[in-house]
Amino acid sequence: MITPAFWLVIPAAGIGARMQADCPKQYLKVENTTILELTLACFLEHPQLRGIVVALAEHDQWWPQLAVATHPAIKTVVGGAQRADSVRNALAALQSAGAQADDWVLVHDAARPLLEADDLTRLLVSLADDPIGGLLAAPARDTLKQVNSAGRIECTIDRSVIWHALTPQMFRLGVLHSALEETLRVEAPITDEASALEYAGYMPRVIEGRASNIKVTHPDDMRFLRNQLLDRQKNGSR
């Protein structure tokens, strides 16, 4: 089983307005631990990690207060107006730190703290020799409807070909950087790294991961997060 070494990028410059909280959602706490610290923990424990770059908002006042802020494996950069800007800035920092074009880079959401260690390993092993790279994803479970502007169903979509994109997303540094530069140049509407690769003509591979690997977005997600962490504590697993 080949588990390649990798760099990690965490875009954490967003404000998470939908959470209606007093701080960005990645700094909300669960049992005195912030979501961002929970997110980082799975990677900091991995033996093949080369380093992490966290992209922060320009005037982030919460990051310096975290114990993990002084971890030797973590560097920070100022993020941008869009996710793609933040990731591009982080990739530039990796290049300055000696990362090579062929190195694997994983990009993971700052507010996605429920990644399981075996899902991370499955992604790394499955894509180790892939020419393009890919991402964790979960197959659609519900019946899917295409709806028109009047709110009426036009058709039922075949859910067997629909997957929910998750993170981490794993690509070679050089290819990802070039794809992001091009999409930013033409202002292409991309929402994740895979869509930037798709815009550049690539077909990233999906690796099935747990649907519980949610991105904390709404207040109700905090209840789910707490319950999942309690279950892990009871079962003695990450």
Protein backbone atom coordinates (compact mmCIF):
# COMPACT_ATOMS: atom_id res chain seq x y z
CA MET A 1 0.00 0.00 0.00
CA ILE A 2 1.61 3.24 -1.18
CA THR A 3 0.70 6.31 0.86
CA PRO A 4 2.25 9.35 -0.81
CA ALA A 5 3.61 12.36 1.05
CA PHE A 6 1.46 15.46 0.70
CA TRP A 7 1.07 19.13 1.52
CA LEU A 8 -2.18 20.50 2.92
CA VAL A 9 -3.97 23.77 2.18
CA ILE A 10 -6.82 25.01 4.39
CA PRO A 11 -8.72 28.02 3.00
CA ALA A 12 -9.99 29.68 6.19
CA ALA A 13 -10.59 33.29 5.17
CA GLY A 14 -14.40 33.04 5.02
CA ILE A 15 -16.75 34.64 7.54
CA GLY A 16 -19.53 32.01 7.50
CA ALA A 17 -22.41 34.50 7.53
CA ARG A 18 -25.07 31.78 7.41
CA MET A 19 -24.07 30.58 10.89
CA GLN A 20 -25.26 33.89 12.38
CA ALA A 21 -22.44 33.72 14.94
CA ASP A 22 -20.16 36.28 16.59
CA CYS A 23 -17.10 34.83 14.89
CA PRO A 24 -16.30 32.95 11.66
CA LYS A 25 -17.70 29.43 11.84
CA GLN A 26 -14.26 27.79 11.85
CA TYR A 27 -13.67 29.38 15.27
CA LEU A 28 -16.87 28.19 16.89
CA LYS A 29 -16.12 25.84 19.77
CA VAL A 30 -17.27 22.32 20.58
CA GLU A 31 -16.21 21.25 24.08
CA ASN A 32 -13.61 24.06 24.23
CA THR A 33 -12.06 23.08 20.88
CA THR A 34 -12.59 25.16 17.75
CA ILE A 35 -13.87 23.60 14.55
CA LEU A 36 -10.63 24.58 12.80
CA GLU A 37 -8.53 22.75 15.40
CA LEU A 38 -10.69 19.65 14.97
CA THR A 39 -10.24 19.93 11.21
CA LEU A 40 -6.47 20.16 11.47
CA ALA A 41 -6.09 17.30 13.96
CA CYS A 42 -6.68 14.50 11.43
CA PHE A 43 -3.85 15.79 9.24
CA LEU A 44 -1.34 16.71 11.95
CA GLU A 45 -1.38 13.09 13.08
CA HIS A 46 -0.52 11.78 9.60
CA PRO A 47 3.10 10.61 9.11
CA GLN A 48 3.20 11.58 5.42
CA LEU A 49 2.29 15.23 5.99
CA ARG A 50 4.99 17.60 4.69
CA GLY A 51 3.43 20.83 5.86
CA ILE A 52 0.26 22.91 6.08
CA VAL A 53 -0.65 26.37 4.83
CA VAL A 54 -3.74 28.00 6.32
CA ALA A 55 -5.15 30.98 4.39
CA LEU A 56 -6.63 33.51 6.83
CA ALA A 57 -8.61 36.72 6.53
CA GLU A 58 -6.36 39.79 6.58
CA HIS A 59 -7.40 40.93 10.06
CA ASP A 60 -8.09 37.53 11.62
CA GLN A 61 -8.04 38.05 15.39
CA TRP A 62 -8.91 34.48 16.39
CA TRP A 63 -6.11 32.39 14.86
CA PRO A 64 -3.29 33.75 17.09
CA GLN A 65 -5.28 32.67 20.16
CA LEU A 66 -5.18 28.98 19.19
CA ALA A 67 -2.51 26.66 20.58
CA VAL A 68 -2.14 25.11 17.13
CA ALA A 69 -1.11 28.51 15.70
CA THR A 70 2.48 27.86 16.86
CA HIS A 71 2.70 24.33 15.44
CA PRO A 72 5.95 24.04 13.45
CA ALA A 73 4.22 22.28 10.52
CA ILE A 74 1.79 25.16 9.95
CA LYS A 75 2.35 28.39 8.05
CA THR A 76 -0.24 31.06 7.29
CA VAL A 77 -0.92 33.39 4.38
CA VAL A 78 -3.49 36.10 3.79
CA GLY A 79 -6.46 34.75 1.88
CA GLY A 80 -8.42 36.45 -0.87
CA ALA A 81 -11.91 37.51 -1.78
CA GLN A 82 -12.75 34.07 -3.18
CA ARG A 83 -11.80 30.54 -2.24
CA ALA A 84 -9.71 30.25 -5.41
CA ASP A 85 -7.71 33.35 -4.42
CA SER A 86 -6.98 31.88 -0.99
CA VAL A 87 -5.89 28.53 -2.40
CA ARG A 88 -3.71 30.21 -5.03
CA ASN A 89 -1.98 32.30 -2.34
CA ALA A 90 -1.40 29.16 -0.27
CA LEU A 91 0.07 27.30 -3.25
CA ALA A 92 2.47 30.18 -3.86
CA ALA A 93 3.60 29.90 -0.23
CA LEU A 94 4.19 26.17 -0.69
CA GLN A 95 6.31 26.84 -3.77
CA SER A 96 8.35 29.36 -1.77
CA ALA A 97 8.81 26.69 0.92
CA GLY A 98 10.29 24.28 -1.62
CA ALA A 99 7.25 22.31 -2.77
CA GLN A 100 7.62 20.97 -6.31
CA ALA A 101 5.16 21.02 -9.22
CA ASP A 102 4.64 17.25 -9.02
CA ASP A 103 3.99 17.22 -5.26
CA TRP A 104 0.54 16.23 -4.08
CA VAL A 105 -1.51 18.98 -2.46
CA LEU A 106 -4.69 18.31 -0.53
CA VAL A 107 -7.21 21.14 -0.11
CA HIS A 108 -9.65 20.73 2.76
CA ASP A 109 -12.44 22.97 4.04
CA ALA A 110 -11.69 24.74 7.32
CA ALA A 111 -15.16 23.91 8.65
CA ARG A 112 -15.18 20.22 7.71
CA PRO A 113 -13.99 18.67 11.01
CA LEU A 114 -15.41 15.13 10.73
CA LEU A 115 -12.99 13.63 8.23
CA GLU A 116 -12.18 10.06 9.27
CA ALA A 117 -8.55 8.92 9.19
CA ASP A 118 -9.35 5.88 7.06
CA ASP A 119 -11.14 8.04 4.48
CA LEU A 120 -8.02 10.20 4.26
CA THR A 121 -5.86 7.12 3.80
CA ARG A 122 -8.21 5.73 1.15
CA LEU A 123 -7.96 8.98 -0.82
CA LEU A 124 -4.17 9.05 -0.62
CA VAL A 125 -3.71 5.40 -1.56
CA SER A 126 -6.33 5.38 -4.33
CA LEU A 127 -4.88 8.45 -6.07
CA ALA A 128 -1.18 7.80 -5.44
CA ASP A 129 -0.54 6.88 -9.09
CA ASP A 130 -3.47 8.70 -10.69
CA PRO A 131 -2.44 11.01 -13.54
CA ILE A 132 -4.96 13.68 -12.56
CA GLY A 133 -6.06 13.36 -8.93
CA GLY A 134 -9.50 13.62 -7.42
CA LEU A 135 -11.58 14.09 -4.32
CA LEU A 136 -13.63 12.40 -1.66
CA ALA A 137 -17.31 12.29 -2.58
CA ALA A 138 -20.50 10.64 -1.42
CA PRO A 139 -23.08 9.09 -3.77
CA ALA A 140 -26.49 10.75 -3.78
CA ARG A 141 -29.00 8.87 -1.63
CA ASP A 142 -32.25 10.72 -2.25
CA THR A 143 -34.46 10.99 -5.29
CA LEU A 144 -33.36 14.10 -7.21
CA LYS A 145 -35.70 16.45 -9.06
CA GLN A 146 -34.92 19.10 -11.65
CA VAL A 147 -37.15 22.11 -10.93
CA ASN A 148 -37.98 25.11 -13.12
CA SER A 149 -38.11 28.78 -12.10
CA ALA A 150 -41.78 28.41 -11.18
CA GLY A 151 -40.94 25.71 -8.64
CA ARG A 152 -42.38 22.83 -10.69
CA ILE A 153 -40.65 19.54 -11.39
CA GLU A 154 -39.41 19.09 -14.94
CA CYS A 155 -37.88 15.64 -14.51
CA THR A 156 -36.34 13.13 -12.13
CA ILE A 157 -32.54 12.91 -12.36
CA ASP A 158 -30.76 9.58 -12.35
CA ARG A 159 -29.12 9.66 -8.93
CA SER A 160 -26.69 6.86 -9.80
CA VAL A 161 -24.53 9.40 -11.65
CA ILE A 162 -24.76 12.15 -9.00
CA TRP A 163 -22.18 12.51 -6.24
CA HIS A 164 -21.85 15.08 -3.45
CA ALA A 165 -18.38 16.63 -3.61
CA LEU A 166 -16.50 16.59 -0.31
CA THR A 167 -12.96 17.44 0.72
CA PRO A 168 -10.04 16.79 0.80
CA GLN A 169 -9.45 17.29 -2.89
CA MET A 170 -6.07 16.04 -4.08
CA PHE A 171 -4.11 17.34 -7.08
CA ARG A 172 -0.56 17.99 -8.22
CA LEU A 173 0.61 21.45 -7.16
CA GLY A 174 1.60 22.65 -10.63
CA VAL A 175 -1.57 21.53 -12.39
CA LEU A 176 -3.81 22.92 -9.66
CA HIS A 177 -1.99 26.25 -9.62
CA SER A 178 -2.26 26.63 -13.40
CA ALA A 179 -5.95 25.72 -13.40
CA LEU A 180 -6.75 28.22 -10.66
CA GLU A 181 -4.79 30.98 -12.38
CA GLU A 182 -6.75 30.45 -15.58
CA THR A 183 -10.16 30.35 -13.92
CA LEU A 184 -9.39 33.50 -11.97
CA ARG A 185 -8.15 35.23 -15.13
CA VAL A 186 -11.39 34.58 -17.01
CA GLU A 187 -13.58 34.84 -13.89
CA ALA A 188 -14.97 31.34 -14.40
CA PRO A 189 -17.64 30.36 -11.83
CA ILE A 190 -15.85 27.63 -9.88
CA THR A 191 -16.78 26.48 -6.38
CA ASP A 192 -14.02 23.98 -5.60
CA GLU A 193 -10.65 22.82 -6.86
CA ALA A 194 -12.13 19.96 -8.89
CA SER A 195 -14.24 22.41 -10.88
CA ALA A 196 -11.09 24.37 -11.74
CA LEU A 197 -9.51 21.17 -13.07
CA GLU A 198 -12.72 20.39 -14.98
CA TYR A 199 -12.63 23.86 -16.55
CA ALA A 200 -9.07 23.11 -17.69
CA GLY A 201 -10.27 19.95 -19.42
CA TYR A 202 -9.38 17.32 -16.82
CA MET A 203 -11.68 14.64 -15.39
CA PRO A 204 -10.88 14.22 -11.67
CA ARG A 205 -11.66 10.90 -10.03
CA VAL A 206 -14.12 10.49 -7.15
CA ILE A 207 -13.21 8.32 -4.17
CA GLU A 208 -16.13 7.34 -1.98
CA GLY A 209 -16.05 8.80 1.51
CA ARG A 210 -18.43 9.03 4.41
CA ALA A 211 -21.42 11.35 4.04
CA SER A 212 -20.87 12.34 7.69
CA ASN A 213 -17.87 14.39 6.51
CA ILE A 214 -20.06 17.49 6.44
CA LYS A 215 -19.12 21.13 6.05
CA VAL A 216 -20.50 23.07 9.01
CA THR A 217 -22.65 25.71 7.36
CA HIS A 218 -25.89 26.17 9.30
CA PRO A 219 -26.61 26.31 13.07
CA ASP A 220 -28.20 22.84 12.97
CA ASP A 221 -24.88 21.40 11.78
CA MET A 222 -23.38 22.12 15.21
CA ARG A 223 -25.78 19.67 16.84
CA PHE A 224 -24.79 16.99 14.33
CA LEU A 225 -21.11 17.74 14.96
CA ARG A 226 -21.47 17.39 18.72
CA ASN A 227 -23.32 14.09 18.38
CA GLN A 228 -20.70 12.69 16.01
CA LEU A 229 -17.86 13.68 18.33
CA LEU A 230 -19.64 12.07 21.28
CA ASP A 231 -20.02 8.86 19.28
CA ARG A 232 -16.31 8.90 18.46
CA GLN A 233 -15.41 9.36 22.11
CA LYS A 234 -17.58 6.40 23.06
CA ASN A 235 -16.06 4.24 20.34
CA GLY A 236 -12.53 5.44 21.01
CA SER A 237 -11.87 6.48 17.41
CA ARG A 238 -10.89 9.62 15.55
